[in-house]
Amino acid sequence: MTMITMARLISEWTWLREQIAETERAGHPDITDRFGRVWAWRSGDFYAHDDALCFPREWITSTEHPINLPSPALADNPNYHLCEICTQNWPEQGE
């Protein structure tokens, strides 16, 4: 196989993967929960918010067992960079 043929195959493969990913994303629109947070599809049945929280669609949309806002106990955790909606009930720093 020549380098040109290999490059063409890789290019076609990359294009096909992009098309498949685009089709999957179109089939999984964003979800806005009862707090106004937007959840973006990641994979399977999982949606993410703030690049820190990830839950199954059913948990986000459930009216019987909805997920709540994150606990203020996470305020000092440097791994979480949560939005204003998620931190709206947290005490101000220094209180």
N, C-alpha and C. Protein backbone atom coordinates (compact mmCIF):
# COMPACT_ATOMS: atom_id res chain seq x y z
N MET A 1 0.85 -1.17 0.00
CA MET A 1 0.00 0.00 0.00
C MET A 1 0.90 1.24 0.00
N THR A 2 0.58 2.17 -0.86
CA THR A 2 1.40 3.38 -0.95
C THR A 2 1.01 4.36 0.16
N MET A 3 1.87 5.32 0.38
CA MET A 3 1.60 6.35 1.40
C MET A 3 0.38 7.18 1.01
N ILE A 4 0.21 7.44 -0.27
CA ILE A 4 -0.94 8.22 -0.73
C ILE A 4 -2.24 7.45 -0.44
N THR A 5 -2.23 6.16 -0.71
CA THR A 5 -3.41 5.33 -0.44
C THR A 5 -3.70 5.29 1.05
N MET A 6 -2.67 5.13 1.84
CA MET A 6 -2.83 5.09 3.30
C MET A 6 -3.37 6.43 3.81
N ALA A 7 -2.84 7.52 3.32
CA ALA A 7 -3.31 8.85 3.74
C ALA A 7 -4.77 9.04 3.35
N ARG A 8 -5.17 8.58 2.17
CA ARG A 8 -6.56 8.69 1.72
C ARG A 8 -7.47 7.87 2.62
N LEU A 9 -7.05 6.64 2.96
CA LEU A 9 -7.86 5.78 3.83
C LEU A 9 -8.03 6.39 5.22
N ILE A 10 -6.96 6.95 5.75
CA ILE A 10 -7.04 7.60 7.07
C ILE A 10 -7.95 8.81 7.01
N SER A 11 -7.86 9.57 5.94
CA SER A 11 -8.70 10.74 5.77
C SER A 11 -10.18 10.34 5.68
N GLU A 12 -10.49 9.30 4.93
CA GLU A 12 -11.86 8.81 4.82
C GLU A 12 -12.36 8.28 6.16
N TRP A 13 -11.50 7.55 6.86
CA TRP A 13 -11.86 7.00 8.16
C TRP A 13 -12.17 8.12 9.15
N THR A 14 -11.35 9.16 9.17
CA THR A 14 -11.55 10.30 10.06
C THR A 14 -12.86 10.99 9.73
N TRP A 15 -13.13 11.20 8.44
CA TRP A 15 -14.37 11.85 8.02
C TRP A 15 -15.59 11.03 8.46
N LEU A 16 -15.54 9.72 8.28
CA LEU A 16 -16.64 8.85 8.68
C LEU A 16 -16.89 8.90 10.19
N ARG A 17 -15.81 8.89 10.96
CA ARG A 17 -15.96 8.98 12.43
C ARG A 17 -16.62 10.30 12.82
N GLU A 18 -16.25 11.39 12.15
CA GLU A 18 -16.85 12.69 12.43
C GLU A 18 -18.33 12.68 12.09
N GLN A 19 -18.70 12.04 10.98
CA GLN A 19 -20.10 11.96 10.59
C GLN A 19 -20.91 11.15 11.59
N ILE A 20 -20.34 10.05 12.04
CA ILE A 20 -21.02 9.22 13.04
C ILE A 20 -21.21 9.99 14.34
N ALA A 21 -20.16 10.69 14.78
CA ALA A 21 -20.25 11.47 16.02
C ALA A 21 -21.29 12.58 15.90
N GLU A 22 -21.35 13.24 14.75
CA GLU A 22 -22.33 14.29 14.53
C GLU A 22 -23.75 13.73 14.56
N THR A 23 -23.94 12.57 13.96
CA THR A 23 -25.25 11.93 13.96
C THR A 23 -25.66 11.55 15.37
N GLU A 24 -24.73 11.02 16.15
CA GLU A 24 -25.04 10.66 17.55
C GLU A 24 -25.40 11.89 18.36
N ARG A 25 -24.62 12.98 18.21
CA ARG A 25 -24.92 14.21 18.95
C ARG A 25 -26.30 14.74 18.60
N ALA A 26 -26.67 14.68 17.32
CA ALA A 26 -27.99 15.16 16.88
C ALA A 26 -29.11 14.35 17.52
N GLY A 27 -28.86 13.10 17.80
CA GLY A 27 -29.86 12.24 18.43
C GLY A 27 -29.93 12.39 19.93
N HIS A 28 -29.07 13.22 20.50
CA HIS A 28 -29.02 13.42 21.95
C HIS A 28 -28.96 14.92 22.24
N PRO A 29 -30.07 15.62 22.07
CA PRO A 29 -30.05 17.07 22.32
C PRO A 29 -29.75 17.38 23.79
N ASP A 30 -29.26 18.59 24.03
CA ASP A 30 -28.98 19.03 25.40
C ASP A 30 -30.26 18.98 26.23
N ILE A 31 -30.09 18.82 27.53
CA ILE A 31 -31.20 18.79 28.48
C ILE A 31 -31.03 19.97 29.43
N THR A 32 -32.11 20.68 29.68
CA THR A 32 -32.10 21.74 30.70
C THR A 32 -32.90 21.24 31.88
N ASP A 33 -32.29 21.23 33.06
CA ASP A 33 -32.98 20.70 34.24
C ASP A 33 -33.82 21.78 34.91
N ARG A 34 -34.44 21.43 36.01
CA ARG A 34 -35.37 22.33 36.70
C ARG A 34 -34.69 23.55 37.30
N PHE A 35 -33.36 23.53 37.41
CA PHE A 35 -32.62 24.68 37.92
C PHE A 35 -32.14 25.60 36.80
N GLY A 36 -32.27 25.13 35.56
CA GLY A 36 -31.79 25.90 34.41
C GLY A 36 -30.40 25.50 33.95
N ARG A 37 -29.85 24.43 34.54
CA ARG A 37 -28.52 23.95 34.12
C ARG A 37 -28.66 23.19 32.81
N VAL A 38 -27.72 23.40 31.91
CA VAL A 38 -27.74 22.69 30.63
C VAL A 38 -26.78 21.50 30.72
N TRP A 39 -27.30 20.35 30.33
CA TRP A 39 -26.54 19.10 30.35
C TRP A 39 -26.30 18.67 28.92
N ALA A 40 -25.04 18.43 28.57
CA ALA A 40 -24.67 18.02 27.21
C ALA A 40 -24.37 16.52 27.19
N TRP A 41 -24.81 15.87 26.14
CA TRP A 41 -24.60 14.43 26.00
C TRP A 41 -23.11 14.12 25.89
N ARG A 42 -22.68 13.06 26.57
CA ARG A 42 -21.29 12.61 26.51
C ARG A 42 -21.18 11.27 25.79
N SER A 43 -21.86 10.26 26.31
CA SER A 43 -21.86 8.94 25.65
C SER A 43 -22.92 8.08 26.30
N GLY A 44 -23.37 7.09 25.56
CA GLY A 44 -24.39 6.21 26.10
C GLY A 44 -25.60 7.00 26.56
N ASP A 45 -25.95 6.87 27.83
CA ASP A 45 -27.08 7.59 28.40
C ASP A 45 -26.60 8.71 29.33
N PHE A 46 -25.32 9.06 29.27
CA PHE A 46 -24.75 10.02 30.21
C PHE A 46 -24.65 11.43 29.64
N TYR A 47 -25.03 12.37 30.50
CA TYR A 47 -24.97 13.80 30.17
C TYR A 47 -24.10 14.49 31.22
N ALA A 48 -23.36 15.52 30.81
CA ALA A 48 -22.45 16.21 31.71
C ALA A 48 -22.80 17.69 31.81
N HIS A 49 -22.46 18.26 32.96
CA HIS A 49 -22.65 19.69 33.22
C HIS A 49 -21.40 20.19 33.94
N ASP A 50 -20.92 21.34 33.56
CA ASP A 50 -19.75 21.97 34.20
C ASP A 50 -18.48 21.12 34.09
N ASP A 51 -18.43 20.16 33.22
CA ASP A 51 -17.29 19.26 33.09
C ASP A 51 -16.90 18.63 34.43
N ALA A 52 -17.85 18.61 35.36
CA ALA A 52 -17.58 18.01 36.67
C ALA A 52 -18.67 17.02 37.06
N LEU A 53 -19.89 17.29 36.63
CA LEU A 53 -21.02 16.45 37.01
C LEU A 53 -21.45 15.63 35.80
N CYS A 54 -21.73 14.36 36.01
CA CYS A 54 -22.16 13.49 34.93
C CYS A 54 -23.17 12.48 35.49
N PHE A 55 -24.35 12.47 34.89
CA PHE A 55 -25.41 11.59 35.35
C PHE A 55 -26.16 10.99 34.17
N PRO A 56 -26.85 9.87 34.41
CA PRO A 56 -27.72 9.33 33.35
C PRO A 56 -28.89 10.28 33.09
N ARG A 57 -29.37 10.27 31.87
CA ARG A 57 -30.50 11.12 31.47
C ARG A 57 -31.68 10.98 32.43
N GLU A 58 -31.99 9.76 32.82
CA GLU A 58 -33.14 9.50 33.69
C GLU A 58 -33.03 10.25 35.01
N TRP A 59 -31.82 10.37 35.55
CA TRP A 59 -31.64 11.06 36.82
C TRP A 59 -31.89 12.56 36.65
N ILE A 60 -31.48 13.11 35.52
CA ILE A 60 -31.61 14.55 35.28
C ILE A 60 -33.07 14.93 35.04
N THR A 61 -33.79 14.09 34.32
CA THR A 61 -35.17 14.41 33.94
C THR A 61 -36.22 13.87 34.89
N SER A 62 -35.83 13.09 35.87
CA SER A 62 -36.79 12.47 36.78
C SER A 62 -37.52 13.50 37.62
N THR A 63 -38.82 13.34 37.74
CA THR A 63 -39.59 14.18 38.65
C THR A 63 -39.76 13.48 39.99
N GLU A 64 -39.58 12.17 39.99
CA GLU A 64 -39.72 11.39 41.22
C GLU A 64 -38.46 11.46 42.08
N HIS A 65 -37.29 11.36 41.45
CA HIS A 65 -36.01 11.37 42.16
C HIS A 65 -35.02 12.29 41.45
N PRO A 66 -35.33 13.59 41.36
CA PRO A 66 -34.43 14.48 40.63
C PRO A 66 -33.12 14.73 41.39
N ILE A 67 -32.08 14.99 40.63
CA ILE A 67 -30.81 15.35 41.28
C ILE A 67 -30.92 16.79 41.75
N ASN A 68 -30.21 17.11 42.79
CA ASN A 68 -30.24 18.45 43.36
C ASN A 68 -28.98 19.22 43.04
N LEU A 69 -28.89 20.41 43.58
CA LEU A 69 -27.68 21.21 43.42
C LEU A 69 -26.56 20.61 44.25
N PRO A 70 -25.30 20.79 43.84
CA PRO A 70 -24.17 20.25 44.62
C PRO A 70 -24.10 20.85 46.02
N SER A 71 -23.58 20.07 46.91
CA SER A 71 -23.44 20.46 48.31
C SER A 71 -22.35 21.52 48.48
N PRO A 72 -22.56 22.47 49.40
CA PRO A 72 -21.51 23.45 49.70
C PRO A 72 -20.23 22.80 50.22
N ALA A 73 -20.29 21.53 50.63
CA ALA A 73 -19.08 20.84 51.08
C ALA A 73 -18.06 20.71 49.95
N LEU A 74 -18.49 20.90 48.71
CA LEU A 74 -17.57 20.82 47.58
C LEU A 74 -16.83 22.13 47.32
N ALA A 75 -17.16 23.17 48.04
CA ALA A 75 -16.61 24.50 47.78
C ALA A 75 -15.08 24.54 47.84
N ASP A 76 -14.48 23.77 48.71
CA ASP A 76 -13.03 23.79 48.85
C ASP A 76 -12.33 22.75 47.98
N ASN A 77 -13.07 22.01 47.19
CA ASN A 77 -12.48 20.98 46.33
C ASN A 77 -12.01 21.61 45.02
N PRO A 78 -10.70 21.61 44.77
CA PRO A 78 -10.18 22.25 43.55
C PRO A 78 -10.52 21.50 42.27
N ASN A 79 -11.08 20.29 42.38
CA ASN A 79 -11.44 19.52 41.20
C ASN A 79 -12.78 19.95 40.60
N TYR A 80 -13.54 20.73 41.32
CA TYR A 80 -14.85 21.17 40.86
C TYR A 80 -14.81 22.65 40.51
N HIS A 81 -15.23 22.96 39.32
CA HIS A 81 -15.36 24.35 38.86
C HIS A 81 -16.81 24.49 38.41
N LEU A 82 -17.66 24.73 39.38
CA LEU A 82 -19.10 24.72 39.12
C LEU A 82 -19.63 26.11 38.79
N CYS A 83 -20.71 26.14 38.03
CA CYS A 83 -21.31 27.39 37.57
C CYS A 83 -22.06 28.09 38.70
N GLU A 84 -22.54 29.29 38.39
CA GLU A 84 -23.28 30.09 39.38
C GLU A 84 -24.58 29.43 39.79
N ILE A 85 -25.20 28.70 38.87
CA ILE A 85 -26.44 28.01 39.22
C ILE A 85 -26.15 26.94 40.27
N CYS A 86 -25.08 26.16 40.04
CA CYS A 86 -24.75 25.07 40.97
C CYS A 86 -24.35 25.59 42.35
N THR A 87 -23.78 26.78 42.41
CA THR A 87 -23.27 27.31 43.67
C THR A 87 -24.18 28.40 44.26
N GLN A 88 -25.38 28.56 43.73
CA GLN A 88 -26.25 29.67 44.15
C GLN A 88 -26.62 29.64 45.64
N ASN A 89 -26.68 28.49 46.25
CA ASN A 89 -27.05 28.41 47.66
C ASN A 89 -25.86 28.25 48.59
N TRP A 90 -24.66 28.36 48.04
CA TRP A 90 -23.47 28.23 48.87
C TRP A 90 -23.20 29.55 49.59
N PRO A 91 -22.67 29.47 50.81
CA PRO A 91 -22.31 30.71 51.51
C PRO A 91 -21.17 31.41 50.77
N GLU A 92 -21.13 32.72 50.89
CA GLU A 92 -20.03 33.48 50.29
C GLU A 92 -18.73 33.11 50.99
N GLN A 93 -17.62 33.16 50.26
CA GLN A 93 -16.32 32.87 50.88
C GLN A 93 -16.10 33.83 52.05
N GLY A 94 -15.64 33.29 53.16
CA GLY A 94 -15.34 34.11 54.33
C GLY A 94 -16.51 34.24 55.31
N GLU A 95 -17.67 33.68 54.96
CA GLU A 95 -18.82 33.79 55.88
C GLU A 95 -18.68 32.77 56.98
